[in-house]
Amino acid sequence: MRRDIASNAPRLEGDAIVGDMITRATRHGLNVPLYRAAYCHLQVYAHQHTPGAAAQQPFK
């Protein structure tokens, strides 16, 4: 993912990597706030790099 971000890639594998880790941790009753924060940042990145996202309403 770091290489994808560095090359300004339009799509990351955040769901498959970080999202999966959150799902597995939740399944085992673990609290993973840093993974959740990282996932939030990846979602913002994905939204900003989605074609037509600039025309959408900004986050509130």
C-alpha atoms as a PDB file:
ATOM      1  CA  MET A   1       0.000   0.000   0.000  1.00  0.00           C
ATOM      2  CA  ARG A   2       2.868   2.402   0.687  1.00  0.00           C
ATOM      3  CA  ARG A   3       4.047   2.059  -2.911  1.00  0.00           C
ATOM      4  CA  ASP A   4       0.501   2.579  -4.168  1.00  0.00           C
ATOM      5  CA  ILE A   5       0.166   5.782  -2.146  1.00  0.00           C
ATOM      6  CA  ALA A   6       3.619   6.995  -3.221  1.00  0.00           C
ATOM      7  CA  SER A   7       2.697   6.469  -6.868  1.00  0.00           C
ATOM      8  CA  ASN A   8      -0.671   8.197  -6.336  1.00  0.00           C
ATOM      9  CA  ALA A   9      -2.528   5.006  -7.227  1.00  0.00           C
ATOM     10  CA  PRO A  10      -6.287   5.410  -7.533  1.00  0.00           C
ATOM     11  CA  ARG A  11      -7.041   2.216  -5.599  1.00  0.00           C
ATOM     12  CA  LEU A  12      -5.573   0.577  -2.529  1.00  0.00           C
ATOM     13  CA  GLU A  13      -6.191  -2.799  -0.959  1.00  0.00           C
ATOM     14  CA  GLY A  14      -7.200  -1.267   2.377  1.00  0.00           C
ATOM     15  CA  ASP A  15     -10.294  -3.431   2.739  1.00  0.00           C
ATOM     16  CA  ALA A  16      -8.404  -6.610   1.983  1.00  0.00           C
ATOM     17  CA  ILE A  17      -5.491  -5.844   4.281  1.00  0.00           C
ATOM     18  CA  VAL A  18      -6.464  -3.504   7.117  1.00  0.00           C
ATOM     19  CA  GLY A  19     -10.191  -4.223   6.986  1.00  0.00           C
ATOM     20  CA  ASP A  20      -9.503  -7.938   7.246  1.00  0.00           C
ATOM     21  CA  MET A  21      -7.260  -7.390  10.278  1.00  0.00           C
ATOM     22  CA  ILE A  22     -10.031  -5.399  11.987  1.00  0.00           C
ATOM     23  CA  THR A  23     -12.564  -8.126  11.224  1.00  0.00           C
ATOM     24  CA  ARG A  24     -10.291 -10.840  12.626  1.00  0.00           C
ATOM     25  CA  ALA A  25      -9.482  -8.819  15.747  1.00  0.00           C
ATOM     26  CA  THR A  26     -13.162  -8.106  16.379  1.00  0.00           C
ATOM     27  CA  ARG A  27     -13.955 -11.783  15.997  1.00  0.00           C
ATOM     28  CA  HIS A  28     -11.485 -12.507  18.807  1.00  0.00           C
ATOM     29  CA  GLY A  29     -12.717  -9.683  21.024  1.00  0.00           C
ATOM     30  CA  LEU A  30      -9.647  -7.505  20.541  1.00  0.00           C
ATOM     31  CA  ASN A  31      -9.770  -3.714  20.455  1.00  0.00           C
ATOM     32  CA  VAL A  32      -7.577  -2.303  17.675  1.00  0.00           C
ATOM     33  CA  PRO A  33      -7.977   1.490  17.660  1.00  0.00           C
ATOM     34  CA  LEU A  34      -4.819   2.148  15.622  1.00  0.00           C
ATOM     35  CA  TYR A  35      -5.967  -0.221  12.877  1.00  0.00           C
ATOM     36  CA  ARG A  36      -9.331   1.552  12.867  1.00  0.00           C
ATOM     37  CA  ALA A  37      -7.617   4.945  12.584  1.00  0.00           C
ATOM     38  CA  ALA A  38      -5.443   3.683   9.735  1.00  0.00           C
ATOM     39  CA  TYR A  39      -8.514   2.250   8.001  1.00  0.00           C
ATOM     40  CA  CYS A  40     -10.293   5.595   8.355  1.00  0.00           C
ATOM     41  CA  HIS A  41      -7.337   7.357   6.714  1.00  0.00           C
ATOM     42  CA  LEU A  42      -7.347   4.813   3.883  1.00  0.00           C
ATOM     43  CA  GLN A  43     -11.057   5.418   3.306  1.00  0.00           C
ATOM     44  CA  VAL A  44     -10.454   9.178   3.074  1.00  0.00           C
ATOM     45  CA  TYR A  45      -7.583   8.569   0.628  1.00  0.00           C
ATOM     46  CA  ALA A  46      -9.805   6.317  -1.495  1.00  0.00           C
ATOM     47  CA  HIS A  47     -12.598   8.893  -1.502  1.00  0.00           C
ATOM     48  CA  GLN A  48     -10.213  11.666  -2.543  1.00  0.00           C
ATOM     49  CA  HIS A  49      -8.887   9.555  -5.419  1.00  0.00           C
ATOM     50  CA  THR A  50     -12.265   8.394  -6.714  1.00  0.00           C
ATOM     51  CA  PRO A  51     -13.177   9.985 -10.064  1.00  0.00           C
ATOM     52  CA  GLY A  52     -15.970  12.492  -9.535  1.00  0.00           C
ATOM     53  CA  ALA A  53     -15.442  12.658  -5.771  1.00  0.00           C
ATOM     54  CA  ALA A  54     -14.682  16.380  -5.954  1.00  0.00           C
ATOM     55  CA  ALA A  55     -18.216  16.983  -7.202  1.00  0.00           C
ATOM     56  CA  GLN A  56     -19.696  15.199  -4.207  1.00  0.00           C
ATOM     57  CA  GLN A  57     -20.527  16.812  -0.892  1.00  0.00           C
ATOM     58  CA  PRO A  58     -17.551  17.135   1.445  1.00  0.00           C
ATOM     59  CA  PHE A  59     -17.498  15.138   4.665  1.00  0.00           C
ATOM     60  CA  LYS A  60     -19.265  16.729   7.621  1.00  0.00           C
END
